[in-house]
Amino acid sequence: MLDLIIKNSLVVLPGCPQKVNVGIQNGKIIYIGEDVLEAEKIIDGSGKILIPGGIEAHAHVWEPMHTGWTKGKEEWLADSEGTTRAALFGGTTCVTSFAFMDVHSKEVIYNVAKAVDSRKEVFKNHSFTHYIFHPVLTGTPSEETIESIKQAIEEGTTSFKVFTTDVTSKQTGVRIETGSMLSIMKVLAENKGILMVHAEDDELVRYMENRLAKEGRNQAYNLNLVHSSLSEGIAFNKVIQLAKEAGSATFFAHVTGRSGIREIKRAQQEGQAVYGEVLHNYLMFCNEDYHKPNGIRFHTYPAMKDAEDRAALWNGLADGTLTMVSTDEYTTPYETKIQGNTVETACGGLNGIETRGIVAFSEGYSKGKISLERFVEIFSTNPAKVLGLYPQKGTIQVGSDADLVLWDPNIEKTVELKDLHQPSDYSIFVGMDVKGWPVTVLLDGKVVIDKGELLGKPTDGRFIKRKMTSEVLNGYYKER
């Protein structure tokens, strides 16, 4: 007898959706077919769509905010329990956060594997979802630090992050040096890892900050003139050339528009393993929204570009140039979020980990911009592949983990703050009309969300060891 069977739903299998039954035993999918087998528990999914649990590839959790955004006050982002609870309600069953070398640990740690271990202790018994980490290398890491990447990969961490900019002139020590980035890429190429890059041209960012300040045009609504399309295009091109030299796979964080998409597409056409994420706020808003009252609430770095860039992002998702939808989760109180009114002090980050799939489903699939299969790819399957979780996660196949979501495509509502479970007092998606909502969530075959009720516990989540496939590392993973 099975532990659980889900019947009568439209199941999004690799290739095409089918109306089949899914059987679960010991947290794994062990049966997919038309037979209704005996089970201790039966879930009737009539009228609903069954998809693999979402994978969030980009979330800042329980880390100190940049004091330039908090007016010098020490302020921390939402903790792992609050963030993963919200993620679970949004249909996300695995969250990727960060392990900064010299930020997240009690003592200064410059060993990548030990930095991951430090973060694992923070999430252990305090996460409603499964969790993984991107270690972040900054500045000029020592040879020993770069060498320790090998140990982290051996222990199941396959993705690593760097910044090509300090983001603002008030922040230092974040930007990776070019030579160090090349060395990191070579280690990753040799040991089957992937590099996630926040790519902007730092010199151009600093130049434009100074220029706008001198001209009296450094109001926050001009952020797109500093964190510009030109800056993105220059930085993407440089990173792609370095990755080609090193033979490494690259994953661009938060692509904002046409210039980044153009560089990614060119590299993909030349056979490079280059992937890109878009944030769901970029799909819904643009630089015009900065001019609204407290318009800084819509901002995260890099800045939003124009309406044509927003349209290009949807096209990039549809044609496969862009690989996934993420959030860059960065949960702040509303008062903190809106207090910076210049390009130097504007607070980055958004609290959107619960609304990621809801927005992508409603605006993408329900409105005909993308297919149902494509929604599942950008929400779950592709991040699982790029991060080294596939096929354990991100797919409905026999042998895969039973992290699953029943989505009701017919629910129509206007998003209200009371609908959300984020540890924050605002959401930029409040007031948005949506169609489609996750109603039942399973983690390891256990029902953890059902009809708006939280049944899961913060002890349910666990650290997942990963391994990259040659398909992803070699650039054979083509979206089109």
Protein backbone atom coordinates (compact mmCIF):
# COMPACT_ATOMS: atom_id res chain seq x y z
CA MET A 1 0.00 0.00 0.00
CA LEU A 2 1.25 3.45 -0.92
CA ASP A 3 1.58 6.26 1.57
CA LEU A 4 -0.30 8.67 -0.69
CA ILE A 5 -1.81 8.93 -4.14
CA ILE A 6 -2.85 12.11 -5.95
CA LYS A 7 -5.56 11.46 -8.52
CA ASN A 8 -7.58 13.34 -11.13
CA SER A 9 -5.20 16.29 -11.53
CA LEU A 10 -3.49 17.50 -14.69
CA VAL A 11 0.12 16.47 -14.05
CA VAL A 12 2.88 18.48 -15.73
CA LEU A 13 5.31 15.72 -16.67
CA PRO A 14 8.54 16.26 -18.63
CA GLY A 15 7.38 16.78 -22.19
CA CYS A 16 3.67 17.37 -21.74
CA PRO A 17 0.85 17.58 -19.16
CA GLN A 18 -1.21 14.42 -18.70
CA LYS A 19 -4.15 13.45 -16.55
CA VAL A 20 -2.56 10.63 -14.54
CA ASN A 21 -2.28 9.52 -10.94
CA VAL A 22 0.89 9.98 -8.90
CA GLY A 23 1.82 7.53 -6.15
CA ILE A 24 4.18 8.33 -3.28
CA GLN A 25 6.08 6.09 -0.87
CA ASN A 26 8.72 7.11 1.70
CA GLY A 27 8.91 10.64 0.33
CA LYS A 28 9.57 9.54 -3.26
CA ILE A 29 7.45 9.36 -6.39
CA ILE A 30 7.19 5.66 -7.20
CA TYR A 31 4.23 5.48 -9.58
CA ILE A 32 2.84 7.58 -12.44
CA GLY A 33 -0.07 6.13 -14.40
CA GLU A 34 -3.79 5.68 -14.82
CA ASP A 35 -4.30 3.01 -12.18
CA VAL A 36 -5.76 4.03 -8.83
CA LEU A 37 -3.64 2.08 -6.38
CA GLU A 38 -4.40 1.52 -2.71
CA ALA A 39 -2.99 4.18 -0.43
CA GLU A 40 -3.29 5.29 3.16
CA LYS A 41 -4.20 8.78 1.97
CA ILE A 42 -5.84 9.91 -1.27
CA ILE A 43 -5.85 13.49 -2.52
CA ASP A 44 -8.42 14.34 -5.18
CA GLY A 45 -6.84 16.92 -7.47
CA SER A 46 -9.86 17.41 -9.74
CA GLY A 47 -9.70 20.74 -11.53
CA LYS A 48 -6.16 21.39 -10.37
CA ILE A 49 -2.67 21.19 -11.86
CA LEU A 50 0.07 19.13 -10.21
CA ILE A 51 3.59 20.55 -10.61
CA PRO A 52 6.98 19.95 -8.98
CA GLY A 53 7.74 22.19 -6.02
CA GLY A 54 9.26 25.54 -6.89
CA ILE A 55 13.00 26.21 -6.54
CA GLU A 56 13.97 29.72 -5.40
CA ALA A 57 17.48 30.40 -6.70
CA HIS A 58 18.15 33.78 -5.09
CA ALA A 59 17.15 34.74 -1.54
CA HIS A 60 18.93 36.84 1.08
CA VAL A 61 17.99 35.47 4.50
CA TRP A 62 19.04 36.56 7.99
CA GLU A 63 21.95 38.74 6.98
CA PRO A 64 22.85 42.29 8.03
CA MET A 65 21.68 45.07 5.75
CA HIS A 66 24.10 47.56 4.23
CA THR A 67 24.21 50.40 6.79
CA GLY A 68 24.14 52.96 3.97
CA TRP A 69 20.52 51.87 3.48
CA THR A 70 19.61 51.90 7.19
CA LYS A 71 21.13 55.28 8.13
CA GLY A 72 23.85 53.55 10.12
CA LYS A 73 21.53 51.36 12.16
CA GLU A 74 22.28 47.64 12.46
CA GLU A 75 19.30 45.90 10.91
CA TRP A 76 18.93 42.26 9.84
CA LEU A 77 16.79 40.71 7.13
CA ALA A 78 14.03 38.25 7.94
CA ASP A 79 15.12 34.95 9.45
CA SER A 80 14.96 31.49 7.90
CA GLU A 81 11.67 30.47 9.53
CA GLY A 82 9.74 33.51 8.37
CA THR A 83 11.20 33.49 4.87
CA THR A 84 10.76 29.77 4.20
CA ARG A 85 7.24 29.78 5.63
CA ALA A 86 6.27 32.43 3.07
CA ALA A 87 8.07 30.49 0.33
CA LEU A 88 6.12 27.34 1.16
CA PHE A 89 2.77 29.12 0.93
CA GLY A 90 3.84 30.28 -2.53
CA GLY A 91 4.56 26.74 -3.71
CA THR A 92 8.35 26.89 -3.25
CA THR A 93 9.83 23.83 -1.57
CA CYS A 94 13.57 24.61 -1.80
CA VAL A 95 15.22 27.96 -1.09
CA THR A 96 18.73 29.03 -2.10
CA SER A 97 20.34 31.58 0.20
CA PHE A 98 23.92 32.83 0.59
CA ALA A 99 27.03 32.15 2.64
CA PHE A 100 29.15 35.30 2.65
CA MET A 101 32.71 34.57 3.76
CA ASP A 102 33.04 37.37 6.29
CA VAL A 103 29.45 38.26 7.14
CA HIS A 104 27.42 35.25 8.21
CA SER A 105 29.76 33.52 10.62
CA LYS A 106 30.50 34.39 14.24
CA GLU A 107 34.20 34.44 13.48
CA VAL A 108 35.83 35.44 10.20
CA ILE A 109 35.87 32.40 7.91
CA TYR A 110 37.71 32.30 4.62
CA ASN A 111 37.14 28.60 3.89
CA VAL A 112 34.21 28.19 1.53
CA ALA A 113 33.11 24.81 2.89
CA LYS A 114 33.19 26.06 6.48
CA ALA A 115 31.14 29.11 5.51
CA VAL A 116 28.47 26.77 4.17
CA ASP A 117 28.58 24.72 7.38
CA SER A 118 28.03 27.90 9.38
CA ARG A 119 24.90 28.72 7.39
CA LYS A 120 23.59 25.17 7.63
CA GLU A 121 23.54 25.59 11.41
CA VAL A 122 21.42 28.74 11.05
CA PHE A 123 18.79 26.95 8.94
CA LYS A 124 18.85 23.58 10.70
CA ASN A 125 15.53 23.08 12.55
CA HIS A 126 14.50 26.57 11.43
CA SER A 127 13.33 26.02 7.85
CA PHE A 128 9.94 24.98 6.47
CA THR A 129 11.55 24.23 3.09
CA HIS A 130 14.68 22.45 1.99
CA TYR A 131 17.68 24.73 1.57
CA ILE A 132 20.98 25.18 -0.25
CA PHE A 133 23.54 27.99 -0.41
CA HIS A 134 25.67 30.04 -2.81
CA PRO A 135 28.97 30.86 -1.05
CA VAL A 136 29.96 34.45 -1.96
CA LEU A 137 33.57 35.34 -2.73
CA THR A 138 34.48 39.02 -2.52
CA GLY A 139 37.44 41.35 -3.02
CA THR A 140 40.69 39.49 -3.52
CA PRO A 141 40.22 36.04 -1.99
CA SER A 142 43.38 34.18 -1.05
CA GLU A 143 44.60 31.15 -2.97
CA GLU A 144 43.59 29.03 0.03
CA THR A 145 40.04 30.38 -0.09
CA ILE A 146 39.72 29.70 -3.81
CA GLU A 147 41.22 26.25 -3.29
CA SER A 148 38.57 25.49 -0.65
CA ILE A 149 35.92 25.63 -3.37
CA LYS A 150 36.92 22.07 -4.22
CA GLN A 151 36.00 20.86 -0.73
CA ALA A 152 32.63 22.62 -0.88
CA ILE A 153 31.81 20.94 -4.20
CA GLU A 154 32.83 17.55 -2.83
CA GLU A 155 30.45 18.15 0.09
CA GLY A 156 27.52 18.98 -2.17
CA THR A 157 27.61 22.73 -2.86
CA THR A 158 27.89 23.43 -6.58
CA SER A 159 27.05 27.14 -7.10
CA PHE A 160 29.10 30.17 -6.03
CA LYS A 161 28.51 33.91 -6.36
CA VAL A 162 30.58 36.99 -7.11
CA PHE A 163 29.82 40.68 -7.68
CA THR A 164 31.55 42.75 -10.36
CA THR A 165 30.48 45.92 -8.52
CA ASP A 166 30.23 47.21 -4.97
CA VAL A 167 26.66 48.17 -6.00
CA THR A 168 26.94 51.69 -4.55
CA SER A 169 29.87 54.00 -3.85
CA LYS A 170 29.01 53.90 -0.13
CA GLN A 171 29.80 50.19 0.01
CA THR A 172 33.27 48.67 -0.42
CA GLY A 173 34.86 45.24 -0.43
CA VAL A 174 32.08 43.43 -2.28
CA ARG A 175 33.42 43.63 -5.84
CA ILE A 176 35.57 40.71 -6.99
CA GLU A 177 38.80 41.49 -8.83
CA THR A 178 38.91 40.34 -12.44
CA GLY A 179 41.90 38.04 -11.98
CA SER A 180 40.32 36.44 -8.93
CA MET A 181 37.10 35.82 -10.84
CA LEU A 182 39.04 34.10 -13.61
CA SER A 183 40.83 31.91 -11.05
CA ILE A 184 37.49 31.00 -9.47
CA MET A 185 36.03 30.12 -12.86
CA LYS A 186 38.94 27.82 -13.63
CA VAL A 187 38.50 25.95 -10.35
CA LEU A 188 34.77 25.60 -11.03
CA ALA A 189 35.42 24.33 -14.57
CA GLU A 190 37.81 21.69 -13.24
CA ASN A 191 35.54 20.60 -10.39
CA LYS A 192 32.04 20.83 -11.92
CA GLY A 193 30.63 23.96 -10.35
CA ILE A 194 28.82 27.03 -11.68
CA LEU A 195 29.36 30.73 -11.02
CA MET A 196 26.47 33.10 -10.29
CA VAL A 197 27.35 36.71 -11.13
CA HIS A 198 25.85 40.06 -10.18
CA ALA A 199 27.28 41.82 -13.21
CA GLU A 200 27.47 45.61 -13.57
CA ASP A 201 30.39 47.75 -14.67
CA ASP A 202 31.65 49.20 -11.38
CA GLU A 203 33.59 52.11 -12.89
CA LEU A 204 30.57 53.25 -14.87
CA VAL A 205 28.30 52.94 -11.82
CA ARG A 206 30.63 55.10 -9.74
CA TYR A 207 31.10 57.62 -12.54
CA MET A 208 27.35 58.06 -13.01
CA GLU A 209 26.75 58.34 -9.26
CA ASN A 210 29.27 61.17 -9.04
CA ARG A 211 28.05 62.86 -12.21
CA LEU A 212 24.39 62.92 -11.14
CA ALA A 213 25.35 64.20 -7.68
CA LYS A 214 27.31 67.10 -9.24
CA GLU A 215 24.41 67.89 -11.56
CA GLY A 216 21.80 67.75 -8.80
CA ARG A 217 20.09 64.77 -10.47
CA ASN A 218 20.82 62.07 -7.92
CA GLN A 219 17.20 61.56 -6.93
CA ALA A 220 16.26 57.90 -6.48
CA TYR A 221 13.98 57.97 -9.52
CA ASN A 222 17.14 58.31 -11.65
CA LEU A 223 18.57 54.99 -10.48
CA ASN A 224 18.29 53.54 -13.98
CA LEU A 225 20.78 56.16 -15.22
CA VAL A 226 23.39 54.79 -12.78
CA HIS A 227 22.59 51.07 -12.90
CA SER A 228 22.10 51.30 -16.64
CA SER A 229 21.62 49.03 -19.63
CA LEU A 230 25.06 50.05 -20.85
CA SER A 231 26.62 48.99 -17.56
CA GLU A 232 24.86 45.63 -17.72
CA GLY A 233 25.88 44.97 -21.31
CA ILE A 234 29.54 45.83 -20.69
CA ALA A 235 29.75 43.66 -17.58
CA PHE A 236 27.94 40.68 -19.12
CA ASN A 237 30.25 40.74 -22.12
CA LYS A 238 33.33 40.79 -19.90
CA VAL A 239 32.13 37.93 -17.69
CA ILE A 240 31.21 35.84 -20.74
CA GLN A 241 34.69 36.31 -22.21
CA LEU A 242 36.30 35.27 -18.94
CA ALA A 243 34.01 32.22 -18.71
CA LYS A 244 34.91 31.24 -22.26
CA GLU A 245 38.60 31.44 -21.41
CA ALA A 246 38.11 29.35 -18.26
CA GLY A 247 35.62 26.93 -19.83
CA SER A 248 33.17 27.45 -16.99
CA ALA A 249 29.39 27.62 -16.74
CA THR A 250 27.91 30.99 -15.79
CA PHE A 251 24.59 32.05 -14.31
CA PHE A 252 23.67 35.76 -14.48
CA ALA A 253 21.62 37.06 -11.58
CA HIS A 254 18.69 39.46 -12.09
CA VAL A 255 18.89 40.28 -15.81
CA THR A 256 17.10 43.61 -16.30
CA GLY A 257 16.62 44.08 -20.03
CA ARG A 258 17.67 44.05 -23.66
CA SER A 259 21.42 44.55 -23.29
CA GLY A 260 21.86 41.62 -20.92
CA ILE A 261 19.56 39.39 -22.94
CA ARG A 262 21.51 40.21 -26.10
CA GLU A 263 24.83 39.15 -24.53
CA ILE A 264 23.35 35.94 -23.09
CA LYS A 265 21.75 34.96 -26.39
CA ARG A 266 24.97 35.56 -28.31
CA ALA A 267 26.93 33.37 -25.90
CA GLN A 268 24.31 30.62 -26.02
CA GLN A 269 24.35 30.65 -29.82
CA GLU A 270 28.12 30.17 -29.67
CA GLY A 271 27.65 27.14 -27.45
CA GLN A 272 28.60 28.55 -24.07
CA ALA A 273 26.94 27.38 -20.87
CA VAL A 274 25.35 30.71 -19.97
CA TYR A 275 22.06 31.09 -18.08
CA GLY A 276 20.05 34.02 -16.81
CA GLU A 277 17.38 34.72 -14.22
CA VAL A 278 14.80 37.49 -14.15
CA LEU A 279 13.10 38.79 -11.01
CA HIS A 280 9.33 38.88 -11.01
CA ASN A 281 9.24 42.56 -10.08
CA TYR A 282 11.13 43.36 -13.31
CA LEU A 283 8.39 41.52 -15.22
CA MET A 284 5.70 43.73 -13.70
CA PHE A 285 7.24 47.17 -13.17
CA CYS A 286 9.67 49.55 -14.89
CA ASN A 287 11.54 52.80 -14.24
CA GLU A 288 8.32 54.80 -14.62
CA ASP A 289 7.18 53.33 -11.29
CA TYR A 290 10.04 55.11 -9.49
CA HIS A 291 8.09 58.35 -10.00
CA LYS A 292 5.11 57.11 -7.99
CA PRO A 293 4.73 58.20 -4.32
CA ASN A 294 7.35 56.22 -2.35
CA GLY A 295 8.32 54.67 -5.68
CA ILE A 296 11.56 53.40 -4.17
CA ARG A 297 9.49 50.52 -2.77
CA PHE A 298 9.67 48.91 -6.24
CA HIS A 299 13.47 48.99 -6.36
CA THR A 300 16.10 46.36 -6.17
CA TYR A 301 19.58 46.32 -7.71
CA PRO A 302 20.26 46.60 -10.59
CA ALA A 303 17.65 49.28 -11.29
CA MET A 304 14.49 48.70 -13.31
CA LYS A 305 14.80 49.74 -16.94
CA ASP A 306 12.13 50.98 -19.38
CA ALA A 307 8.90 49.41 -20.64
CA GLU A 308 10.63 47.99 -23.72
CA ASP A 309 13.12 46.21 -21.48
CA ARG A 310 10.24 44.79 -19.45
CA ALA A 311 8.67 43.42 -22.63
CA ALA A 312 12.04 41.99 -23.67
CA LEU A 313 12.25 40.07 -20.39
CA TRP A 314 8.93 38.35 -21.09
CA ASN A 315 10.12 37.55 -24.62
CA GLY A 316 13.38 36.21 -23.20
CA LEU A 317 11.46 33.89 -20.90
CA ALA A 318 9.22 32.73 -23.71
CA ASP A 319 11.97 32.02 -26.24
CA GLY A 320 14.32 30.39 -23.72
CA THR A 321 17.11 32.96 -23.53
CA LEU A 322 16.25 33.52 -19.88
CA THR A 323 16.21 30.41 -17.77
CA MET A 324 14.21 31.08 -14.62
CA VAL A 325 12.23 33.48 -12.44
CA SER A 326 13.67 34.36 -9.02
CA THR A 327 13.11 37.03 -6.37
CA ASP A 328 16.37 38.33 -4.86
CA GLU A 329 14.36 38.09 -1.62
CA TYR A 330 15.46 40.81 0.80
CA THR A 331 12.76 41.33 3.42
CA THR A 332 12.81 44.78 4.99
CA PRO A 333 10.26 46.86 6.94
CA TYR A 334 8.45 49.42 4.80
CA GLU A 335 9.86 52.37 6.73
CA THR A 336 13.42 51.18 6.13
CA LYS A 337 12.70 50.44 2.49
CA ILE A 338 11.46 53.93 1.59
CA GLN A 339 13.79 56.13 3.65
CA GLY A 340 16.59 56.39 1.06
CA ASN A 341 15.71 59.01 -1.55
CA THR A 342 18.98 59.30 -3.51
CA VAL A 343 20.82 56.96 -5.84
CA GLU A 344 23.47 56.47 -3.12
CA THR A 345 21.03 55.64 -0.30
CA ALA A 346 18.21 53.80 -2.11
CA CYS A 347 17.51 50.53 -0.34
CA GLY A 348 17.80 47.43 -2.49
CA GLY A 349 15.90 44.20 -2.22
CA LEU A 350 12.26 43.11 -2.19
CA ASN A 351 10.11 40.75 -0.17
CA GLY A 352 8.57 38.60 -2.91
CA ILE A 353 9.38 34.98 -2.20
CA GLU A 354 5.71 34.03 -1.80
CA THR A 355 4.44 35.84 -4.89
CA ARG A 356 7.08 34.59 -7.38
CA GLY A 357 5.07 31.67 -8.75
CA ILE A 358 1.72 33.41 -8.37
CA VAL A 359 2.85 36.32 -10.56
CA ALA A 360 4.59 34.09 -13.11
CA PHE A 361 1.54 31.81 -13.39
CA SER A 362 -1.06 34.58 -13.55
CA GLU A 363 0.80 37.04 -15.77
CA GLY A 364 2.62 34.40 -17.79
CA TYR A 365 0.48 31.30 -18.26
CA SER A 366 -3.02 32.63 -17.51
CA LYS A 367 -2.51 35.57 -19.88
CA GLY A 368 -0.97 33.47 -22.64
CA LYS A 369 2.60 34.81 -22.58
CA ILE A 370 4.05 31.38 -21.80
CA SER A 371 2.80 27.79 -21.88
CA LEU A 372 2.00 25.73 -18.81
CA GLU A 373 5.10 23.62 -19.44
CA ARG A 374 7.20 26.76 -19.68
CA PHE A 375 5.83 28.04 -16.37
CA VAL A 376 6.96 24.83 -14.68
CA GLU A 377 10.38 25.12 -16.32
CA ILE A 378 11.05 28.67 -15.13
CA PHE A 379 9.54 28.12 -11.67
CA SER A 380 11.00 24.74 -10.82
CA THR A 381 12.73 22.56 -13.42
CA ASN A 382 15.30 25.01 -14.78
CA PRO A 383 16.56 26.31 -11.41
CA ALA A 384 16.83 22.68 -10.30
CA LYS A 385 18.95 21.90 -13.36
CA VAL A 386 21.19 24.97 -13.17
CA LEU A 387 21.79 24.54 -9.42
CA GLY A 388 22.51 20.79 -9.59
CA LEU A 389 19.30 19.54 -7.96
CA TYR A 390 17.81 17.80 -11.00
CA PRO A 391 16.32 15.17 -11.26
CA GLN A 392 16.04 14.78 -7.49
CA LYS A 393 14.08 18.03 -7.49
CA GLY A 394 12.25 20.09 -10.10
CA THR A 395 10.45 17.30 -11.93
CA ILE A 396 7.69 14.72 -11.59
CA GLN A 397 9.38 11.44 -12.42
CA VAL A 398 9.56 8.03 -10.81
CA GLY A 399 12.43 8.21 -8.30
CA SER A 400 12.26 11.98 -7.78
CA ASP A 401 11.50 13.53 -4.40
CA ALA A 402 7.80 14.08 -3.76
CA ASP A 403 8.03 17.85 -3.40
CA LEU A 404 4.81 18.77 -5.19
CA VAL A 405 2.24 21.54 -5.54
CA LEU A 406 -1.43 21.42 -6.49
CA TRP A 407 -2.24 24.68 -8.26
CA ASP A 408 -5.82 25.84 -8.73
CA PRO A 409 -5.85 27.69 -12.09
CA ASN A 410 -9.36 29.06 -11.55
CA ILE A 411 -8.90 31.02 -8.32
CA GLU A 412 -9.25 34.72 -9.04
CA LYS A 413 -8.43 37.30 -6.42
CA THR A 414 -6.92 40.68 -5.75
CA VAL A 415 -3.76 40.25 -3.69
CA GLU A 416 -4.08 41.67 -0.19
CA LEU A 417 -1.44 41.77 2.51
CA LYS A 418 -3.53 39.38 4.60
CA ASP A 419 -3.14 36.77 1.82
CA LEU A 420 0.63 36.71 2.31
CA HIS A 421 2.81 35.21 5.01
CA GLN A 422 6.01 37.19 4.60
CA PRO A 423 7.47 38.71 7.78
CA SER A 424 6.98 42.19 6.36
CA ASP A 425 4.44 44.98 6.50
CA TYR A 426 4.20 45.61 2.76
CA SER A 427 4.24 43.99 -0.67
CA ILE A 428 4.51 45.74 -4.03
CA PHE A 429 2.06 43.17 -5.39
CA VAL A 430 -0.81 44.19 -3.12
CA GLY A 431 -3.70 45.30 -5.32
CA MET A 432 -2.68 43.08 -8.24
CA ASP A 433 -5.46 40.95 -9.79
CA VAL A 434 -4.29 37.37 -10.26
CA LYS A 435 -5.68 34.14 -11.63
CA GLY A 436 -4.28 30.91 -10.23
CA TRP A 437 -3.06 30.08 -6.72
CA PRO A 438 -1.17 27.22 -5.01
CA VAL A 439 -3.54 25.41 -2.65
CA THR A 440 -1.75 22.22 -1.52
CA VAL A 441 1.99 21.74 -1.03
CA LEU A 442 3.87 18.52 -0.29
CA LEU A 443 7.42 18.26 1.04
CA ASP A 444 8.99 14.79 0.89
CA GLY A 445 5.51 13.36 0.35
CA LYS A 446 4.07 15.07 3.43
CA VAL A 447 1.24 17.60 3.11
CA VAL A 448 2.64 20.81 4.60
CA ILE A 449 0.14 23.36 3.21
CA ASP A 450 -3.51 22.58 2.61
CA LYS A 451 -6.22 25.11 1.73
CA GLY A 452 -4.36 27.96 3.39
CA GLU A 453 -3.47 26.03 6.53
CA LEU A 454 0.15 25.48 7.56
CA LEU A 455 0.69 21.85 8.52
CA GLY A 456 4.45 21.78 8.16
CA LYS A 457 7.05 22.46 10.83
CA PRO A 458 10.32 24.43 10.83
CA THR A 459 12.12 21.13 11.39
CA ASP A 460 10.92 19.74 8.03
CA GLY A 461 13.55 21.41 5.86
CA ARG A 462 16.95 19.87 5.26
CA PHE A 463 20.18 20.74 3.47
CA ILE A 464 20.31 19.15 0.01
CA LYS A 465 23.58 17.96 -1.50
CA ARG A 466 23.93 18.75 -5.18
CA LYS A 467 25.76 17.54 -8.27
CA MET A 468 25.95 19.28 -11.64
CA THR A 469 25.18 17.40 -14.84
CA SER A 470 27.41 17.56 -17.92
CA GLU A 471 24.33 18.72 -19.84
CA VAL A 472 24.27 21.99 -17.88
CA LEU A 473 28.03 22.45 -17.51
CA ASN A 474 28.74 21.99 -21.21
CA GLY A 475 26.03 24.25 -22.53
CA TYR A 476 23.99 21.50 -24.10
CA TYR A 477 21.01 22.55 -22.03
CA LYS A 478 19.17 24.51 -24.70
CA GLU A 479 15.87 26.18 -24.08
CA ARG A 480 14.86 26.45 -27.70
